[in-house]
């Protein structure tokens, strides 16, 4: 037998004994670029090596909005997806039984309503056009509650489906709609706000619609087959969130690298405003989740659906394992069970 054949056999035997390389852990996100909100932690954890240091290779899969993210994870095109809680509950109430929320990197999106200056008060929204992501999207659902809290009949509002927040902002700047809901990050990034103003700021918006907006979900199959990777992903997200909470300058520096076109002054302002917004304990509080379900079930979409229990759509066990290792931070983000 020649040395060449012996070498080929040896190489083949070596390949059969090497451990299989783990597939990348695909995290589905609904932002087409790093967002100017605490949800940016998922992008930045990739950029800054937080996932790598935990020993898991994370690949971001970018889609537009929650329905696409749900379709992707149900089709097996990702292991974890960041989605709206309302959409998840609709699925679970409709019979879906294999999806579980395991962490919330940014549980309460810093929404505000921006409008033309001529829309001077919330009451002036009556009869106006209002940009939304899509019919029934999270921004529309929450904004309708904010409007109702301000005594506005939403039947008199012309809702215009426009898509992503930056597109809605552009439409507002161009005068194509009278008002829209965007994050404080998108608002801050508008270079020329002439003729525009904040109609309802983020604090007033959250007071009118306090709920957990988004969670990261996995399927039961992923929980069974890649539980260790799920734990590593959650660990990385919590560690990054704690670093940004401890020093907003760490977040600002990371965002400068991710979005070099954004002025540092804008990032500094946002970093300060997010001081208490980071999910330093994983963003899953039983009390907050229960309250979210109660509020959502007041809406028309849930009127004919059976109530869901937390154990039908939430799995606290992995984040609790992470917190047992890292300890809890008591200054924000309560970890009630």
C-alpha atoms as a PDB file:
ATOM      1  CA  UNK A   1       0.000   0.000   0.000  1.00  0.00           C
ATOM      2  CA  UNK A   2       1.512   3.311  -1.016  1.00  0.00           C
ATOM      3  CA  UNK A   3       2.224   6.116   1.402  1.00  0.00           C
ATOM      4  CA  UNK A   4      -0.293   8.272  -0.479  1.00  0.00           C
ATOM      5  CA  UNK A   5      -3.102   5.771   0.132  1.00  0.00           C
ATOM      6  CA  UNK A   6      -2.078   5.361   3.773  1.00  0.00           C
ATOM      7  CA  UNK A   7      -2.143   9.134   4.177  1.00  0.00           C
ATOM      8  CA  UNK A   8      -5.622   9.362   2.669  1.00  0.00           C
ATOM      9  CA  UNK A   9      -6.909   6.637   5.002  1.00  0.00           C
ATOM     10  CA  UNK A  10      -5.375   8.364   8.015  1.00  0.00           C
ATOM     11  CA  UNK A  11      -6.938  11.665   7.019  1.00  0.00           C
ATOM     12  CA  UNK A  12     -10.349  10.020   6.594  1.00  0.00           C
ATOM     13  CA  UNK A  13     -10.089   8.362  10.010  1.00  0.00           C
ATOM     14  CA  UNK A  14      -9.123  11.677  11.577  1.00  0.00           C
ATOM     15  CA  UNK A  15     -12.162  13.382  10.074  1.00  0.00           C
ATOM     16  CA  UNK A  16     -14.471  10.702  11.478  1.00  0.00           C
ATOM     17  CA  UNK A  17     -13.081  11.171  14.975  1.00  0.00           C
ATOM     18  CA  UNK A  18     -13.148  14.994  15.053  1.00  0.00           C
ATOM     19  CA  UNK A  19     -16.150  16.512  16.870  1.00  0.00           C
ATOM     20  CA  UNK A  20     -18.790  17.994  14.550  1.00  0.00           C
ATOM     21  CA  UNK A  21     -18.633  21.768  14.305  1.00  0.00           C
ATOM     22  CA  UNK A  22     -21.701  23.413  15.820  1.00  0.00           C
ATOM     23  CA  UNK A  23     -23.950  25.241  13.396  1.00  0.00           C
ATOM     24  CA  UNK A  24     -24.190  29.016  13.919  1.00  0.00           C
ATOM     25  CA  UNK A  25     -26.974  30.061  16.261  1.00  0.00           C
ATOM     26  CA  UNK A  26     -29.252  32.179  14.067  1.00  0.00           C
ATOM     27  CA  UNK A  27     -30.918  35.111  15.832  1.00  0.00           C
ATOM     28  CA  UNK A  28     -33.760  36.668  13.833  1.00  0.00           C
ATOM     29  CA  UNK A  29     -34.141  40.430  14.344  1.00  0.00           C
ATOM     30  CA  UNK A  30     -36.632  42.878  12.858  1.00  0.00           C
ATOM     31  CA  UNK A  31     -34.239  45.799  12.389  1.00  0.00           C
ATOM     32  CA  UNK A  32     -32.472  46.122   9.064  1.00  0.00           C
ATOM     33  CA  UNK A  33     -29.573  47.923  10.768  1.00  0.00           C
ATOM     34  CA  UNK A  34     -28.459  48.468  14.356  1.00  0.00           C
ATOM     35  CA  UNK A  35     -31.401  50.302  15.997  1.00  0.00           C
ATOM     36  CA  UNK A  36     -31.039  53.409  18.152  1.00  0.00           C
ATOM     37  CA  UNK A  37     -32.747  51.730  21.123  1.00  0.00           C
ATOM     38  CA  UNK A  38     -31.680  49.221  23.796  1.00  0.00           C
ATOM     39  CA  UNK A  39     -32.629  46.435  21.353  1.00  0.00           C
ATOM     40  CA  UNK A  40     -29.282  47.314  19.773  1.00  0.00           C
ATOM     41  CA  UNK A  41     -27.739  45.038  22.402  1.00  0.00           C
ATOM     42  CA  UNK A  42     -28.245  42.065  20.074  1.00  0.00           C
ATOM     43  CA  UNK A  43     -26.288  43.681  17.232  1.00  0.00           C
ATOM     44  CA  UNK A  44     -23.619  45.026  19.549  1.00  0.00           C
ATOM     45  CA  UNK A  45     -23.158  41.700  21.345  1.00  0.00           C
ATOM     46  CA  UNK A  46     -22.102  40.297  17.962  1.00  0.00           C
ATOM     47  CA  UNK A  47     -19.944  43.309  17.099  1.00  0.00           C
ATOM     48  CA  UNK A  48     -18.191  43.426  20.481  1.00  0.00           C
ATOM     49  CA  UNK A  49     -17.639  39.690  20.862  1.00  0.00           C
ATOM     50  CA  UNK A  50     -19.963  39.008  23.813  1.00  0.00           C
ATOM     51  CA  UNK A  51     -21.378  35.894  22.142  1.00  0.00           C
ATOM     52  CA  UNK A  52     -17.928  34.704  21.096  1.00  0.00           C
ATOM     53  CA  UNK A  53     -16.677  34.982  24.676  1.00  0.00           C
ATOM     54  CA  UNK A  54     -19.527  32.738  25.822  1.00  0.00           C
ATOM     55  CA  UNK A  55     -18.551  30.175  23.200  1.00  0.00           C
ATOM     56  CA  UNK A  56     -21.454  30.505  20.774  1.00  0.00           C
ATOM     57  CA  UNK A  57     -21.319  31.744  17.186  1.00  0.00           C
ATOM     58  CA  UNK A  58     -24.344  33.974  16.577  1.00  0.00           C
ATOM     59  CA  UNK A  59     -25.503  34.963  13.115  1.00  0.00           C
ATOM     60  CA  UNK A  60     -28.088  37.740  12.792  1.00  0.00           C
ATOM     61  CA  UNK A  61     -30.912  37.118  10.329  1.00  0.00           C
ATOM     62  CA  UNK A  62     -32.575  40.415   9.410  1.00  0.00           C
ATOM     63  CA  UNK A  63     -36.235  40.538   8.391  1.00  0.00           C
ATOM     64  CA  UNK A  64     -38.885  43.237   8.287  1.00  0.00           C
ATOM     65  CA  UNK A  65     -41.305  43.163  11.224  1.00  0.00           C
ATOM     66  CA  UNK A  66     -42.707  40.459  13.486  1.00  0.00           C
ATOM     67  CA  UNK A  67     -44.796  38.428  10.970  1.00  0.00           C
ATOM     68  CA  UNK A  68     -41.674  37.741   8.909  1.00  0.00           C
ATOM     69  CA  UNK A  69     -39.718  36.807  12.047  1.00  0.00           C
ATOM     70  CA  UNK A  70     -42.444  34.386  13.134  1.00  0.00           C
ATOM     71  CA  UNK A  71     -42.607  32.844   9.683  1.00  0.00           C
ATOM     72  CA  UNK A  72     -38.822  32.429   9.667  1.00  0.00           C
ATOM     73  CA  UNK A  73     -38.551  30.724  13.043  1.00  0.00           C
ATOM     74  CA  UNK A  74     -41.506  28.446  12.339  1.00  0.00           C
ATOM     75  CA  UNK A  75     -39.850  27.466   9.049  1.00  0.00           C
ATOM     76  CA  UNK A  76     -36.634  26.574  10.884  1.00  0.00           C
ATOM     77  CA  UNK A  77     -34.686  29.492   9.401  1.00  0.00           C
ATOM     78  CA  UNK A  78     -33.443  30.590  12.820  1.00  0.00           C
ATOM     79  CA  UNK A  79     -33.077  29.352  16.398  1.00  0.00           C
ATOM     80  CA  UNK A  80     -34.312  32.493  18.195  1.00  0.00           C
ATOM     81  CA  UNK A  81     -36.434  35.469  17.119  1.00  0.00           C
ATOM     82  CA  UNK A  82     -37.139  38.908  18.581  1.00  0.00           C
ATOM     83  CA  UNK A  83     -40.876  39.516  18.125  1.00  0.00           C
ATOM     84  CA  UNK A  84     -43.852  41.490  19.431  1.00  0.00           C
ATOM     85  CA  UNK A  85     -45.616  39.994  22.451  1.00  0.00           C
ATOM     86  CA  UNK A  86     -49.036  40.705  20.967  1.00  0.00           C
ATOM     87  CA  UNK A  87     -48.304  38.576  17.896  1.00  0.00           C
ATOM     88  CA  UNK A  88     -46.948  35.747  20.045  1.00  0.00           C
ATOM     89  CA  UNK A  89     -50.035  35.734  22.267  1.00  0.00           C
ATOM     90  CA  UNK A  90     -52.338  35.678  19.251  1.00  0.00           C
ATOM     91  CA  UNK A  91     -50.557  32.573  17.999  1.00  0.00           C
ATOM     92  CA  UNK A  92     -50.625  30.850  21.393  1.00  0.00           C
ATOM     93  CA  UNK A  93     -54.285  31.698  21.952  1.00  0.00           C
ATOM     94  CA  UNK A  94     -54.954  30.304  18.487  1.00  0.00           C
ATOM     95  CA  UNK A  95     -53.393  26.956  19.358  1.00  0.00           C
ATOM     96  CA  UNK A  96     -49.628  27.271  18.833  1.00  0.00           C
ATOM     97  CA  UNK A  97     -47.920  25.308  21.607  1.00  0.00           C
ATOM     98  CA  UNK A  98     -44.235  25.098  20.663  1.00  0.00           C
ATOM     99  CA  UNK A  99     -43.048  28.712  21.140  1.00  0.00           C
ATOM    100  CA  UNK A 100     -41.540  30.061  24.363  1.00  0.00           C
ATOM    101  CA  UNK A 101     -40.272  33.492  25.369  1.00  0.00           C
ATOM    102  CA  UNK A 102     -36.907  33.053  27.104  1.00  0.00           C
ATOM    103  CA  UNK A 103     -35.517  36.601  27.389  1.00  0.00           C
ATOM    104  CA  UNK A 104     -36.402  40.202  26.529  1.00  0.00           C
ATOM    105  CA  UNK A 105     -33.369  42.282  25.546  1.00  0.00           C
ATOM    106  CA  UNK A 106     -35.522  45.427  25.263  1.00  0.00           C
ATOM    107  CA  UNK A 107     -38.898  44.896  26.866  1.00  0.00           C
ATOM    108  CA  UNK A 108     -40.339  48.399  26.534  1.00  0.00           C
ATOM    109  CA  UNK A 109     -39.575  50.204  23.306  1.00  0.00           C
ATOM    110  CA  UNK A 110     -39.018  53.960  23.841  1.00  0.00           C
ATOM    111  CA  UNK A 111     -41.850  55.042  21.568  1.00  0.00           C
ATOM    112  CA  UNK A 112     -43.094  58.593  21.147  1.00  0.00           C
ATOM    113  CA  UNK A 113     -45.594  60.239  18.811  1.00  0.00           C
ATOM    114  CA  UNK A 114     -44.137  62.899  16.538  1.00  0.00           C
ATOM    115  CA  UNK A 115     -46.282  65.171  14.412  1.00  0.00           C
ATOM    116  CA  UNK A 116     -46.468  68.310  12.354  1.00  0.00           C
ATOM    117  CA  UNK A 117     -46.452  71.431  14.514  1.00  0.00           C
ATOM    118  CA  UNK A 118     -49.988  72.230  13.361  1.00  0.00           C
ATOM    119  CA  UNK A 119     -51.081  69.111  15.282  1.00  0.00           C
ATOM    120  CA  UNK A 120     -50.583  71.007  18.500  1.00  0.00           C
ATOM    121  CA  UNK A 121     -52.308  68.663  20.952  1.00  0.00           C
ATOM    122  CA  UNK A 122     -53.317  65.009  21.028  1.00  0.00           C
ATOM    123  CA  UNK A 123     -56.923  66.038  20.377  1.00  0.00           C
ATOM    124  CA  UNK A 124     -55.809  67.521  17.045  1.00  0.00           C
ATOM    125  CA  UNK A 125     -55.058  64.002  15.762  1.00  0.00           C
ATOM    126  CA  UNK A 126     -58.765  63.546  15.034  1.00  0.00           C
ATOM    127  CA  UNK A 127     -59.286  63.336  11.293  1.00  0.00           C
ATOM    128  CA  UNK A 128     -55.538  63.259  10.582  1.00  0.00           C
ATOM    129  CA  UNK A 129     -53.328  60.707   8.820  1.00  0.00           C
ATOM    130  CA  UNK A 130     -51.102  58.561  11.032  1.00  0.00           C
ATOM    131  CA  UNK A 131     -48.206  56.417   9.788  1.00  0.00           C
ATOM    132  CA  UNK A 132     -47.937  52.846  11.120  1.00  0.00           C
ATOM    133  CA  UNK A 133     -45.789  49.838  10.316  1.00  0.00           C
ATOM    134  CA  UNK A 134     -48.659  47.699   9.048  1.00  0.00           C
ATOM    135  CA  UNK A 135     -52.310  47.091   9.992  1.00  0.00           C
ATOM    136  CA  UNK A 136     -52.314  45.625  13.502  1.00  0.00           C
ATOM    137  CA  UNK A 137     -48.581  46.165  14.070  1.00  0.00           C
ATOM    138  CA  UNK A 138     -47.222  46.687  17.559  1.00  0.00           C
ATOM    139  CA  UNK A 139     -46.733  50.425  17.021  1.00  0.00           C
ATOM    140  CA  UNK A 140     -50.347  50.783  15.871  1.00  0.00           C
ATOM    141  CA  UNK A 141     -51.734  48.685  18.732  1.00  0.00           C
ATOM    142  CA  UNK A 142     -49.855  50.624  21.403  1.00  0.00           C
ATOM    143  CA  UNK A 143     -50.533  54.002  19.795  1.00  0.00           C
ATOM    144  CA  UNK A 144     -54.254  53.267  19.639  1.00  0.00           C
ATOM    145  CA  UNK A 145     -54.165  52.702  23.413  1.00  0.00           C
ATOM    146  CA  UNK A 146     -52.243  55.947  23.903  1.00  0.00           C
ATOM    147  CA  UNK A 147     -54.807  57.795  21.810  1.00  0.00           C
ATOM    148  CA  UNK A 148     -57.692  56.231  23.740  1.00  0.00           C
ATOM    149  CA  UNK A 149     -56.033  57.291  27.000  1.00  0.00           C
ATOM    150  CA  UNK A 150     -55.999  60.824  25.623  1.00  0.00           C
ATOM    151  CA  UNK A 151     -59.692  60.695  24.730  1.00  0.00           C
ATOM    152  CA  UNK A 152     -59.203  60.295  20.975  1.00  0.00           C
ATOM    153  CA  UNK A 153     -61.601  58.203  18.878  1.00  0.00           C
ATOM    154  CA  UNK A 154     -59.291  56.149  16.661  1.00  0.00           C
ATOM    155  CA  UNK A 155     -62.129  55.559  14.185  1.00  0.00           C
ATOM    156  CA  UNK A 156     -61.499  59.096  13.014  1.00  0.00           C
ATOM    157  CA  UNK A 157     -57.793  58.457  12.335  1.00  0.00           C
ATOM    158  CA  UNK A 158     -56.551  57.516   8.874  1.00  0.00           C
ATOM    159  CA  UNK A 159     -53.893  54.869   9.527  1.00  0.00           C
ATOM    160  CA  UNK A 160     -51.381  54.608   6.699  1.00  0.00           C
ATOM    161  CA  UNK A 161     -49.179  51.492   6.460  1.00  0.00           C
ATOM    162  CA  UNK A 162     -45.614  52.604   5.736  1.00  0.00           C
ATOM    163  CA  UNK A 163     -43.259  49.972   7.158  1.00  0.00           C
ATOM    164  CA  UNK A 164     -40.094  50.469   9.179  1.00  0.00           C
ATOM    165  CA  UNK A 165     -39.718  53.380  11.665  1.00  0.00           C
ATOM    166  CA  UNK A 166     -37.144  55.220   9.555  1.00  0.00           C
ATOM    167  CA  UNK A 167     -39.547  55.105   6.593  1.00  0.00           C
ATOM    168  CA  UNK A 168     -42.346  56.472   8.778  1.00  0.00           C
ATOM    169  CA  UNK A 169     -40.056  59.266   9.933  1.00  0.00           C
ATOM    170  CA  UNK A 170     -39.153  60.105   6.344  1.00  0.00           C
ATOM    171  CA  UNK A 171     -42.841  60.225   5.417  1.00  0.00           C
ATOM    172  CA  UNK A 172     -43.501  62.610   8.304  1.00  0.00           C
ATOM    173  CA  UNK A 173     -40.618  64.871   7.279  1.00  0.00           C
ATOM    174  CA  UNK A 174     -41.917  64.855   3.695  1.00  0.00           C
ATOM    175  CA  UNK A 175     -45.407  65.824   4.848  1.00  0.00           C
ATOM    176  CA  UNK A 176     -46.974  62.589   3.625  1.00  0.00           C
ATOM    177  CA  UNK A 177     -48.567  61.906   7.028  1.00  0.00           C
ATOM    178  CA  UNK A 178     -49.548  64.193   9.861  1.00  0.00           C
ATOM    179  CA  UNK A 179     -48.117  62.080  12.676  1.00  0.00           C
ATOM    180  CA  UNK A 180     -46.489  58.756  13.428  1.00  0.00           C
ATOM    181  CA  UNK A 181     -45.029  56.624  16.194  1.00  0.00           C
ATOM    182  CA  UNK A 182     -41.254  56.209  16.211  1.00  0.00           C
ATOM    183  CA  UNK A 183     -38.607  55.531  18.816  1.00  0.00           C
ATOM    184  CA  UNK A 184     -36.716  58.326  20.504  1.00  0.00           C
ATOM    185  CA  UNK A 185     -33.663  57.077  18.632  1.00  0.00           C
ATOM    186  CA  UNK A 186     -35.258  57.571  15.226  1.00  0.00           C
ATOM    187  CA  UNK A 187     -36.585  60.978  16.306  1.00  0.00           C
ATOM    188  CA  UNK A 188     -33.140  62.056  17.485  1.00  0.00           C
ATOM    189  CA  UNK A 189     -31.577  61.013  14.188  1.00  0.00           C
ATOM    190  CA  UNK A 190     -33.820  63.244  12.039  1.00  0.00           C
ATOM    191  CA  UNK A 191     -31.384  65.939  10.853  1.00  0.00           C
ATOM    192  CA  UNK A 192     -33.931  68.712  10.228  1.00  0.00           C
ATOM    193  CA  UNK A 193     -37.003  68.787  12.477  1.00  0.00           C
ATOM    194  CA  UNK A 194     -38.345  72.077  11.145  1.00  0.00           C
ATOM    195  CA  UNK A 195     -42.129  72.076  11.283  1.00  0.00           C
ATOM    196  CA  UNK A 196     -42.213  68.996  13.510  1.00  0.00           C
ATOM    197  CA  UNK A 197     -42.441  68.373  17.249  1.00  0.00           C
ATOM    198  CA  UNK A 198     -42.906  65.625  19.809  1.00  0.00           C
ATOM    199  CA  UNK A 199     -46.637  65.421  20.431  1.00  0.00           C
ATOM    200  CA  UNK A 200     -46.493  62.712  23.136  1.00  0.00           C
ATOM    201  CA  UNK A 201     -43.078  62.000  24.650  1.00  0.00           C
ATOM    202  CA  UNK A 202     -41.756  58.574  25.591  1.00  0.00           C
ATOM    203  CA  UNK A 203     -42.617  58.863  29.303  1.00  0.00           C
ATOM    204  CA  UNK A 204     -46.222  59.885  28.614  1.00  0.00           C
ATOM    205  CA  UNK A 205     -46.476  57.200  25.941  1.00  0.00           C
ATOM    206  CA  UNK A 206     -45.303  54.461  28.321  1.00  0.00           C
ATOM    207  CA  UNK A 207     -47.623  55.666  31.109  1.00  0.00           C
ATOM    208  CA  UNK A 208     -50.561  55.307  28.724  1.00  0.00           C
ATOM    209  CA  UNK A 209     -49.447  51.910  27.385  1.00  0.00           C
ATOM    210  CA  UNK A 210     -47.160  50.202  29.928  1.00  0.00           C
ATOM    211  CA  UNK A 211     -46.388  46.719  28.729  1.00  0.00           C
ATOM    212  CA  UNK A 212     -43.633  44.365  27.688  1.00  0.00           C
ATOM    213  CA  UNK A 213     -43.465  44.993  23.954  1.00  0.00           C
ATOM    214  CA  UNK A 214     -40.962  42.459  22.629  1.00  0.00           C
ATOM    215  CA  UNK A 215     -39.436  39.155  23.668  1.00  0.00           C
ATOM    216  CA  UNK A 216     -37.002  36.640  22.212  1.00  0.00           C
ATOM    217  CA  UNK A 217     -38.618  33.292  21.511  1.00  0.00           C
ATOM    218  CA  UNK A 218     -37.354  29.815  20.707  1.00  0.00           C
ATOM    219  CA  UNK A 219     -39.166  26.649  19.713  1.00  0.00           C
ATOM    220  CA  UNK A 220     -39.400  23.673  22.052  1.00  0.00           C
ATOM    221  CA  UNK A 221     -37.232  21.780  19.562  1.00  0.00           C
ATOM    222  CA  UNK A 222     -34.435  24.350  19.990  1.00  0.00           C
ATOM    223  CA  UNK A 223     -34.860  24.222  23.771  1.00  0.00           C
ATOM    224  CA  UNK A 224     -34.386  20.478  23.630  1.00  0.00           C
ATOM    225  CA  UNK A 225     -31.539  20.337  21.115  1.00  0.00           C
ATOM    226  CA  UNK A 226     -29.580  23.555  21.774  1.00  0.00           C
ATOM    227  CA  UNK A 227     -30.431  24.510  25.335  1.00  0.00           C
ATOM    228  CA  UNK A 228     -26.775  25.182  26.205  1.00  0.00           C
ATOM    229  CA  UNK A 229     -26.459  27.616  23.287  1.00  0.00           C
ATOM    230  CA  UNK A 230     -29.668  29.386  24.326  1.00  0.00           C
ATOM    231  CA  UNK A 231     -28.176  29.836  27.793  1.00  0.00           C
ATOM    232  CA  UNK A 232     -24.948  31.220  26.330  1.00  0.00           C
ATOM    233  CA  UNK A 233     -26.883  33.698  24.179  1.00  0.00           C
ATOM    234  CA  UNK A 234     -28.895  34.914  27.170  1.00  0.00           C
ATOM    235  CA  UNK A 235     -25.743  35.180  29.290  1.00  0.00           C
ATOM    236  CA  UNK A 236     -24.060  37.321  26.642  1.00  0.00           C
ATOM    237  CA  UNK A 237     -27.089  39.618  26.309  1.00  0.00           C
ATOM    238  CA  UNK A 238     -27.321  40.151  30.064  1.00  0.00           C
ATOM    239  CA  UNK A 239     -23.588  40.819  30.405  1.00  0.00           C
ATOM    240  CA  UNK A 240     -23.705  43.380  27.581  1.00  0.00           C
ATOM    241  CA  UNK A 241     -26.809  45.025  29.048  1.00  0.00           C
ATOM    242  CA  UNK A 242     -25.120  45.341  32.431  1.00  0.00           C
ATOM    243  CA  UNK A 243     -22.029  46.909  30.871  1.00  0.00           C
ATOM    244  CA  UNK A 244     -24.143  49.508  29.040  1.00  0.00           C
ATOM    245  CA  UNK A 245     -26.205  50.204  32.170  1.00  0.00           C
ATOM    246  CA  UNK A 246     -23.049  50.725  34.227  1.00  0.00           C
ATOM    247  CA  UNK A 247     -21.515  53.130  31.712  1.00  0.00           C
ATOM    248  CA  UNK A 248     -23.526  54.639  28.859  1.00  0.00           C
ATOM    249  CA  UNK A 249     -20.232  55.597  27.231  1.00  0.00           C
ATOM    250  CA  UNK A 250     -19.602  51.914  26.477  1.00  0.00           C
ATOM    251  CA  UNK A 251     -22.845  51.805  24.492  1.00  0.00           C
ATOM    252  CA  UNK A 252     -22.071  55.129  22.798  1.00  0.00           C
ATOM    253  CA  UNK A 253     -18.647  53.906  21.647  1.00  0.00           C
ATOM    254  CA  UNK A 254     -20.115  50.686  20.288  1.00  0.00           C
ATOM    255  CA  UNK A 255     -22.862  52.591  18.466  1.00  0.00           C
ATOM    256  CA  UNK A 256     -20.325  54.955  16.942  1.00  0.00           C
ATOM    257  CA  UNK A 257     -18.660  51.949  15.356  1.00  0.00           C
ATOM    258  CA  UNK A 258     -21.999  50.495  14.234  1.00  0.00           C
ATOM    259  CA  UNK A 259     -23.514  53.759  12.952  1.00  0.00           C
ATOM    260  CA  UNK A 260     -20.693  56.215  12.204  1.00  0.00           C
ATOM    261  CA  UNK A 261     -23.146  58.571  10.467  1.00  0.00           C
ATOM    262  CA  UNK A 262     -24.915  59.371  13.764  1.00  0.00           C
ATOM    263  CA  UNK A 263     -23.614  62.371  15.693  1.00  0.00           C
ATOM    264  CA  UNK A 264     -21.940  61.510  18.991  1.00  0.00           C
ATOM    265  CA  UNK A 265     -24.022  64.179  20.746  1.00  0.00           C
ATOM    266  CA  UNK A 266     -27.159  62.327  19.654  1.00  0.00           C
ATOM    267  CA  UNK A 267     -25.784  59.034  20.950  1.00  0.00           C
ATOM    268  CA  UNK A 268     -24.770  60.655  24.247  1.00  0.00           C
ATOM    269  CA  UNK A 269     -28.309  61.985  24.671  1.00  0.00           C
ATOM    270  CA  UNK A 270     -29.817  58.603  23.916  1.00  0.00           C
ATOM    271  CA  UNK A 271     -27.382  56.761  26.163  1.00  0.00           C
ATOM    272  CA  UNK A 272     -28.432  58.963  29.060  1.00  0.00           C
ATOM    273  CA  UNK A 273     -32.148  58.462  28.313  1.00  0.00           C
ATOM    274  CA  UNK A 274     -31.689  54.670  28.320  1.00  0.00           C
ATOM    275  CA  UNK A 275     -29.991  54.630  31.732  1.00  0.00           C
ATOM    276  CA  UNK A 276     -32.782  52.586  33.374  1.00  0.00           C
ATOM    277  CA  UNK A 277     -33.967  50.727  30.285  1.00  0.00           C
ATOM    278  CA  UNK A 278     -31.477  47.868  30.060  1.00  0.00           C
ATOM    279  CA  UNK A 279     -32.585  44.283  30.684  1.00  0.00           C
ATOM    280  CA  UNK A 280     -29.916  43.594  33.285  1.00  0.00           C
ATOM    281  CA  UNK A 281     -31.861  40.602  34.605  1.00  0.00           C
ATOM    282  CA  UNK A 282     -33.156  39.286  31.298  1.00  0.00           C
ATOM    283  CA  UNK A 283     -36.293  41.417  31.008  1.00  0.00           C
ATOM    284  CA  UNK A 284     -38.758  38.750  32.168  1.00  0.00           C
ATOM    285  CA  UNK A 285     -40.853  39.766  35.169  1.00  0.00           C
ATOM    286  CA  UNK A 286     -43.933  37.697  35.978  1.00  0.00           C
ATOM    287  CA  UNK A 287     -45.733  40.782  37.270  1.00  0.00           C
ATOM    288  CA  UNK A 288     -45.007  42.789  34.122  1.00  0.00           C
ATOM    289  CA  UNK A 289     -45.886  39.898  31.817  1.00  0.00           C
ATOM    290  CA  UNK A 290     -49.170  39.255  33.637  1.00  0.00           C
ATOM    291  CA  UNK A 291     -50.046  42.948  33.357  1.00  0.00           C
ATOM    292  CA  UNK A 292     -49.168  42.888  29.656  1.00  0.00           C
ATOM    293  CA  UNK A 293     -51.538  39.980  28.997  1.00  0.00           C
ATOM    294  CA  UNK A 294     -54.348  41.740  30.879  1.00  0.00           C
ATOM    295  CA  UNK A 295     -53.891  44.910  28.840  1.00  0.00           C
ATOM    296  CA  UNK A 296     -53.677  43.115  25.499  1.00  0.00           C
ATOM    297  CA  UNK A 297     -56.849  41.162  26.202  1.00  0.00           C
ATOM    298  CA  UNK A 298     -58.727  44.447  26.473  1.00  0.00           C
ATOM    299  CA  UNK A 299     -58.187  44.929  22.741  1.00  0.00           C
ATOM    300  CA  UNK A 300     -60.458  43.831  19.903  1.00  0.00           C
ATOM    301  CA  UNK A 301     -57.926  41.323  18.537  1.00  0.00           C
ATOM    302  CA  UNK A 302     -58.227  39.214  21.690  1.00  0.00           C
ATOM    303  CA  UNK A 303     -61.944  39.661  22.373  1.00  0.00           C
ATOM    304  CA  UNK A 304     -62.969  36.182  21.190  1.00  0.00           C
ATOM    305  CA  UNK A 305     -59.824  34.301  22.242  1.00  0.00           C
ATOM    306  CA  UNK A 306     -59.352  32.160  25.339  1.00  0.00           C
ATOM    307  CA  UNK A 307     -57.018  33.584  28.013  1.00  0.00           C
ATOM    308  CA  UNK A 308     -53.494  32.183  28.011  1.00  0.00           C
ATOM    309  CA  UNK A 309     -51.381  31.339  31.050  1.00  0.00           C
ATOM    310  CA  UNK A 310     -47.720  32.291  31.366  1.00  0.00           C
ATOM    311  CA  UNK A 311     -46.525  28.702  31.200  1.00  0.00           C
ATOM    312  CA  UNK A 312     -48.097  28.452  27.732  1.00  0.00           C
ATOM    313  CA  UNK A 313     -45.691  31.011  26.269  1.00  0.00           C
ATOM    314  CA  UNK A 314     -42.886  31.815  28.754  1.00  0.00           C
ATOM    315  CA  UNK A 315     -39.997  29.675  30.010  1.00  0.00           C
ATOM    316  CA  UNK A 316     -38.178  31.293  32.929  1.00  0.00           C
ATOM    317  CA  UNK A 317     -35.880  28.353  33.550  1.00  0.00           C
ATOM    318  CA  UNK A 318     -32.917  29.318  31.378  1.00  0.00           C
ATOM    319  CA  UNK A 319     -32.726  32.960  32.413  1.00  0.00           C
ATOM    320  CA  UNK A 320     -33.033  31.791  36.024  1.00  0.00           C
ATOM    321  CA  UNK A 321     -30.038  29.491  35.499  1.00  0.00           C
ATOM    322  CA  UNK A 322     -28.084  32.448  34.121  1.00  0.00           C
ATOM    323  CA  UNK A 323     -29.072  34.666  37.057  1.00  0.00           C
ATOM    324  CA  UNK A 324     -28.063  31.898  39.473  1.00  0.00           C
ATOM    325  CA  UNK A 325     -24.582  32.133  37.925  1.00  0.00           C
ATOM    326  CA  UNK A 326     -24.370  35.938  37.571  1.00  0.00           C
ATOM    327  CA  UNK A 327     -26.529  37.138  40.443  1.00  0.00           C
ATOM    328  CA  UNK A 328     -29.285  39.727  40.012  1.00  0.00           C
ATOM    329  CA  UNK A 329     -29.044  43.500  39.652  1.00  0.00           C
ATOM    330  CA  UNK A 330     -31.622  45.138  41.901  1.00  0.00           C
ATOM    331  CA  UNK A 331     -31.435  48.680  40.532  1.00  0.00           C
ATOM    332  CA  UNK A 332     -33.754  47.998  37.575  1.00  0.00           C
ATOM    333  CA  UNK A 333     -35.473  45.236  35.588  1.00  0.00           C
ATOM    334  CA  UNK A 334     -37.233  43.275  38.382  1.00  0.00           C
ATOM    335  CA  UNK A 335     -36.936  39.492  38.106  1.00  0.00           C
ATOM    336  CA  UNK A 336     -40.247  38.659  39.812  1.00  0.00           C
ATOM    337  CA  UNK A 337     -41.496  35.097  39.572  1.00  0.00           C
END
